[in-house]
Amino acid sequence: MIQPRIALERPRLPAPLLGAAASVGTQVRQAYVASGLARRVALAREVIPQEREAGKPRLGRLLGEAQALLEPVRRPRRKLDIPATSNPQMVMILPGFATHPVRMRYLAHQLEAAGHSTKRWGLGFNWGPDEEKFQFLELRLADLHARHGRPVVLLGWSLGGLFARELAKRQPDAVAKVITMGSPFSGSPRANNVWRAYQFITGHSVDAPPIAADLAAKPPVETVALWSANDGVIAPRCAAGRPGERDRAIALRCTHIGFTYDPQVIMTVLAELESTRRHAP
């Protein structure tokens, strides 16, 4: 005997409640489209010609940045012979994108061991440029210049180096030298592995920063670009620059993150500080 099948009827919401839910859903979608989040997602997913990214490091180079995970193991065993300076400098340190000056603390300690003075930029994490930040940095630079009694060396890593170059253009009399480390001031601003993340976080295109800036124009002070063929984030050519965009480019063998701790970088920066032109007090 065949048992009769009992069909269970799904509970249905009252029509007014269904209408209200649909209305709320529509409002949420409209709010999302109008929100900054939607704009940031669109910037991160922007479609561009492939040639705009030409030269960016390959995946293998990017994966090589994981070497930084071994740094806590290597550092206690590292012995650096830091020579005492005969030309002490005041150094303002500017961190890379989405990083804090703490990331550059080890480098700063080595400079201080040689007899230099280091100061943070005073803005915490670097979440990108805006005019308010530059106004703050100009005041901070002027204060350091006045207290030190001589121009300040600007040491910038990655995006921090772009800040340093633009700051030196605004206040050249207060700057003794600009040293950039893996900073993409030349070529396409998309020839790197982080521009999509940058656009999502900052909410603006790398082609249209919220400040007036000519990144490739050389500051009117001595400008040295440190770059590495092992950089897994920034295209080496963009960090090295072309003649006329910097005074000198120095090739190193380190990862992008390694600019903050590699012994070769530390010794190179120390040599640059030692050779910085002396200014009369």
Protein backbone atom coordinates (compact mmCIF):
# COMPACT_ATOMS: atom_id res chain seq x y z
CA MET A 1 0.00 0.00 0.00
CA ILE A 2 1.41 3.36 -1.02
CA GLN A 3 1.69 5.84 1.81
CA PRO A 4 0.39 9.30 0.93
CA ARG A 5 3.11 12.00 0.70
CA ILE A 6 2.63 14.95 2.94
CA ALA A 7 3.84 18.21 1.48
CA LEU A 8 5.09 20.64 4.11
CA GLU A 9 4.26 24.17 3.25
CA ARG A 10 7.06 26.67 3.89
CA PRO A 11 6.07 29.49 6.16
CA ARG A 12 5.58 32.70 4.29
CA LEU A 13 6.16 36.15 5.64
CA PRO A 14 3.26 38.55 5.46
CA ALA A 15 3.30 40.66 2.32
CA PRO A 16 3.90 43.94 4.21
CA LEU A 17 6.95 42.45 5.92
CA LEU A 18 8.33 41.14 2.63
CA GLY A 19 7.91 44.57 1.11
CA ALA A 20 9.70 46.21 4.02
CA ALA A 21 12.60 43.73 3.78
CA ALA A 22 12.93 44.37 0.05
CA SER A 23 12.93 48.11 0.67
CA VAL A 24 15.65 47.79 3.31
CA GLY A 25 17.72 45.63 0.96
CA THR A 26 17.44 48.22 -1.77
CA GLN A 27 18.47 50.98 0.63
CA VAL A 28 21.50 48.97 1.79
CA ARG A 29 22.61 48.40 -1.80
CA GLN A 30 22.17 52.08 -2.61
CA ALA A 31 24.07 53.11 0.51
CA TYR A 32 26.91 50.76 -0.43
CA VAL A 33 27.13 52.14 -3.96
CA ALA A 34 27.21 55.68 -2.57
CA SER A 35 29.71 54.86 0.16
CA GLY A 36 33.46 55.34 0.18
CA LEU A 37 33.85 51.59 0.48
CA ALA A 38 32.36 51.01 -2.97
CA ARG A 39 34.67 53.64 -4.41
CA ARG A 40 37.69 52.05 -2.74
CA VAL A 41 36.75 48.60 -4.04
CA ALA A 42 36.39 50.05 -7.53
CA LEU A 43 39.83 51.64 -7.26
CA ALA A 44 41.36 48.34 -6.14
CA ARG A 45 39.73 46.52 -9.07
CA GLU A 46 40.62 49.17 -11.64
CA VAL A 47 41.42 47.80 -15.08
CA ILE A 48 44.56 49.29 -16.60
CA PRO A 49 46.75 48.58 -19.64
CA GLN A 50 49.29 45.87 -18.85
CA GLU A 51 52.19 48.08 -19.85
CA ARG A 52 51.45 50.38 -16.91
CA GLU A 53 52.70 47.60 -14.61
CA ALA A 54 55.71 46.71 -16.75
CA GLY A 55 58.80 46.08 -14.68
CA LYS A 56 57.06 45.27 -11.41
CA PRO A 57 58.72 42.43 -9.46
CA ARG A 58 57.61 38.91 -10.28
CA LEU A 59 55.82 36.67 -7.80
CA GLY A 60 59.05 34.92 -6.81
CA ARG A 61 60.58 38.24 -5.75
CA LEU A 62 57.45 39.14 -3.81
CA LEU A 63 57.53 35.81 -1.97
CA GLY A 64 61.17 36.54 -1.14
CA GLU A 65 59.97 39.32 1.15
CA ALA A 66 59.04 36.54 3.60
CA GLN A 67 62.72 36.49 4.58
CA ALA A 68 61.73 39.19 7.05
CA LEU A 69 60.16 36.45 9.17
CA LEU A 70 63.67 35.11 9.88
CA GLU A 71 64.99 38.48 11.04
CA PRO A 72 64.14 37.93 14.75
CA VAL A 73 66.30 34.78 14.63
CA ARG A 74 69.18 36.33 12.71
CA ARG A 75 69.37 39.64 14.54
CA PRO A 76 70.71 38.40 17.91
CA ARG A 77 73.59 36.70 16.08
CA ARG A 78 74.44 39.70 13.95
CA LYS A 79 77.53 41.66 14.86
CA LEU A 80 77.91 45.05 13.22
CA ASP A 81 81.06 47.11 13.44
CA ILE A 82 79.54 50.59 13.63
CA PRO A 83 82.21 53.28 13.24
CA ALA A 84 81.90 56.46 15.29
CA THR A 85 80.97 59.45 13.16
CA SER A 86 83.02 62.61 12.82
CA ASN A 87 80.11 64.38 11.13
CA PRO A 88 77.02 63.89 13.33
CA GLN A 89 73.68 64.49 11.63
CA MET A 90 70.09 65.02 12.67
CA VAL A 91 68.00 62.46 10.74
CA MET A 92 64.24 62.50 10.32
CA ILE A 93 62.94 59.02 9.54
CA LEU A 94 59.86 58.62 7.34
CA PRO A 95 58.26 55.13 7.22
CA GLY A 96 56.83 53.24 4.27
CA PHE A 97 53.18 52.87 3.33
CA ALA A 98 50.98 51.31 6.04
CA THR A 99 53.97 51.01 8.39
CA HIS A 100 54.94 52.71 11.63
CA PRO A 101 58.35 54.24 12.46
CA VAL A 102 58.82 51.31 14.86
CA ARG A 103 59.52 49.22 11.74
CA MET A 104 62.65 51.35 11.22
CA ARG A 105 63.73 51.39 14.86
CA TYR A 106 66.57 48.87 14.37
CA LEU A 107 68.05 51.02 11.59
CA ALA A 108 67.65 54.13 13.74
CA HIS A 109 69.48 52.46 16.64
CA GLN A 110 72.47 51.72 14.43
CA LEU A 111 72.64 55.33 13.28
CA GLU A 112 72.47 56.50 16.87
CA ALA A 113 75.24 54.04 17.83
CA ALA A 114 77.47 55.88 15.36
CA GLY A 115 76.68 59.21 17.03
CA HIS A 116 73.85 60.56 14.87
CA SER A 117 70.50 61.81 16.20
CA THR A 118 67.31 60.29 14.80
CA LYS A 119 63.77 61.58 15.07
CA ARG A 120 60.49 60.03 14.00
CA TRP A 121 58.29 61.91 11.60
CA GLY A 122 55.61 62.33 14.28
CA LEU A 123 52.60 61.01 12.35
CA GLY A 124 52.46 57.36 13.41
CA PHE A 125 51.40 54.98 10.64
CA ASN A 126 51.83 56.18 7.08
CA TRP A 127 48.38 55.92 5.49
CA GLY A 128 49.16 58.09 2.50
CA PRO A 129 49.56 61.79 1.72
CA ASP A 130 47.34 64.80 2.21
CA GLU A 131 47.99 68.50 2.60
CA GLU A 132 47.41 68.47 6.36
CA LYS A 133 50.20 65.91 6.85
CA PHE A 134 52.62 67.98 4.80
CA GLN A 135 51.81 71.11 6.78
CA PHE A 136 52.59 69.17 9.97
CA LEU A 137 55.85 67.83 8.50
CA GLU A 138 56.96 71.28 7.41
CA LEU A 139 56.51 72.55 10.96
CA ARG A 140 58.30 69.52 12.41
CA LEU A 141 61.19 69.91 9.97
CA ALA A 142 61.51 73.60 10.81
CA ASP A 143 61.57 72.76 14.53
CA LEU A 144 64.28 70.11 14.11
CA HIS A 145 66.29 72.48 11.95
CA ALA A 146 66.08 75.21 14.59
CA ARG A 147 66.95 72.90 17.49
CA HIS A 148 69.82 71.20 15.68
CA GLY A 149 71.22 74.43 14.28
CA ARG A 150 71.89 72.86 10.88
CA PRO A 151 69.90 71.28 8.03
CA VAL A 152 68.30 67.88 8.61
CA VAL A 153 68.84 64.65 6.64
CA LEU A 154 65.57 63.09 5.46
CA LEU A 155 65.69 59.29 5.36
CA GLY A 156 62.59 57.81 3.73
CA TRP A 157 61.67 54.19 3.07
CA SER A 158 59.32 53.42 0.16
CA LEU A 159 56.40 55.89 0.30
CA GLY A 160 58.29 57.71 3.07
CA GLY A 161 60.96 58.54 0.51
CA LEU A 162 58.36 60.24 -1.68
CA PHE A 163 57.31 62.30 1.33
CA ALA A 164 60.98 63.18 1.91
CA ARG A 165 61.53 64.34 -1.67
CA GLU A 166 58.42 66.52 -1.70
CA LEU A 167 59.20 67.93 1.73
CA ALA A 168 62.70 68.90 0.56
CA LYS A 169 61.17 70.75 -2.40
CA ARG A 170 59.04 72.78 0.00
CA GLN A 171 61.75 73.48 2.60
CA PRO A 172 65.14 73.09 0.85
CA ASP A 173 66.98 75.37 3.28
CA ALA A 174 66.12 73.02 6.15
CA VAL A 175 67.31 69.85 4.39
CA ALA A 176 70.92 68.69 4.12
CA LYS A 177 70.29 65.56 2.05
CA VAL A 178 67.48 63.23 0.98
CA ILE A 179 68.10 59.48 1.10
CA THR A 180 65.37 57.29 -0.35
CA MET A 181 65.21 53.51 0.10
CA GLY A 182 63.15 51.60 -2.44
CA SER A 183 61.00 54.66 -3.18
CA PRO A 184 59.11 54.67 -6.53
CA PHE A 185 59.66 58.26 -7.62
CA SER A 186 60.37 57.45 -11.28
CA GLY A 187 58.39 55.80 -14.07
CA SER A 188 54.87 54.40 -13.74
CA PRO A 189 53.27 54.65 -10.28
CA ARG A 190 51.71 51.24 -10.98
CA ALA A 191 54.95 49.37 -11.61
CA ASN A 192 54.77 47.72 -8.20
CA ASN A 193 52.86 45.03 -6.33
CA VAL A 194 50.98 47.27 -3.91
CA TRP A 195 49.21 49.94 -5.93
CA ARG A 196 45.82 48.22 -5.68
CA ALA A 197 46.12 47.95 -1.89
CA TYR A 198 47.29 51.57 -1.81
CA GLN A 199 44.25 52.78 -3.75
CA PHE A 200 41.85 50.77 -1.57
CA ILE A 201 43.32 52.09 1.67
CA THR A 202 43.84 55.73 0.68
CA GLY A 203 40.72 56.09 -1.45
CA HIS A 204 42.55 57.87 -4.28
CA SER A 205 44.31 56.83 -7.46
CA VAL A 206 48.09 56.64 -7.55
CA ASP A 207 47.83 58.86 -10.62
CA ALA A 208 45.93 61.57 -8.73
CA PRO A 209 47.27 62.09 -5.19
CA PRO A 210 45.47 64.72 -3.08
CA ILE A 211 48.49 67.02 -3.19
CA ALA A 212 50.29 68.78 -6.03
CA ALA A 213 53.46 66.80 -6.67
CA ASP A 214 55.90 66.04 -9.48
CA LEU A 215 57.44 62.85 -8.10
CA ALA A 216 60.21 62.58 -10.67
CA ALA A 217 61.43 66.17 -10.26
CA LYS A 218 64.64 66.23 -8.23
CA PRO A 219 64.62 68.22 -4.99
CA PRO A 220 67.05 71.17 -4.94
CA VAL A 221 69.29 69.36 -2.41
CA GLU A 222 71.60 66.37 -2.66
CA THR A 223 69.38 63.37 -3.36
CA VAL A 224 70.53 59.74 -3.16
CA ALA A 225 68.38 56.77 -4.20
CA LEU A 226 69.05 53.33 -2.72
CA TRP A 227 67.51 50.54 -4.79
CA SER A 228 67.71 46.77 -5.06
CA ALA A 229 67.26 44.26 -7.86
CA ASN A 230 65.91 41.89 -5.17
CA ASP A 231 63.07 44.25 -4.26
CA GLY A 232 59.86 42.23 -4.31
CA VAL A 233 57.49 45.20 -4.06
CA ILE A 234 58.79 48.12 -6.15
CA ALA A 235 60.16 47.99 -9.68
CA PRO A 236 63.94 48.54 -9.31
CA ARG A 237 64.05 51.07 -12.14
CA CYS A 238 61.38 53.17 -10.45
CA ALA A 239 63.40 53.24 -7.21
CA ALA A 240 66.72 53.93 -8.95
CA GLY A 241 65.41 56.75 -11.11
CA ARG A 242 66.98 58.36 -14.13
CA PRO A 243 69.84 60.88 -14.34
CA GLY A 244 68.45 64.27 -13.44
CA GLU A 245 65.80 62.79 -11.13
CA ARG A 246 68.38 62.20 -8.36
CA ASP A 247 72.08 62.94 -7.89
CA ARG A 248 73.17 59.35 -7.34
CA ALA A 249 71.66 55.87 -7.31
CA ILE A 250 73.25 53.10 -5.25
CA ALA A 251 72.45 49.46 -5.99
CA LEU A 252 72.13 47.14 -3.00
CA ARG A 253 71.18 43.47 -2.52
CA CYS A 254 68.24 43.37 -0.16
CA THR A 255 64.49 42.83 -0.16
CA HIS A 256 62.06 45.73 0.09
CA ILE A 257 61.44 45.09 3.79
CA GLY A 258 65.18 44.51 4.16
CA PHE A 259 65.82 48.21 3.63
CA THR A 260 64.93 48.60 7.31
CA TYR A 261 67.49 46.15 8.71
CA ASP A 262 69.95 44.76 6.14
CA PRO A 263 73.60 45.35 7.21
CA GLN A 264 74.53 46.54 3.71
CA VAL A 265 71.81 49.18 3.88
CA ILE A 266 72.91 50.29 7.35
CA MET A 267 76.54 50.71 6.31
CA THR A 268 75.53 52.55 3.12
CA VAL A 269 73.32 54.98 5.01
CA LEU A 270 76.11 55.58 7.54
CA ALA A 271 78.51 56.36 4.70
CA GLU A 272 76.01 58.80 3.20
CA LEU A 273 75.58 60.56 6.53
CA GLU A 274 79.34 60.78 6.95
CA SER A 275 79.73 62.39 3.51
CA THR A 276 76.92 64.89 4.02
CA ARG A 277 78.21 68.38 3.41
CA ARG A 278 78.96 70.33 6.54
CA HIS A 279 76.96 73.50 7.01
CA ALA A 280 78.06 76.46 9.00
CA PRO A 281 76.00 76.85 12.20
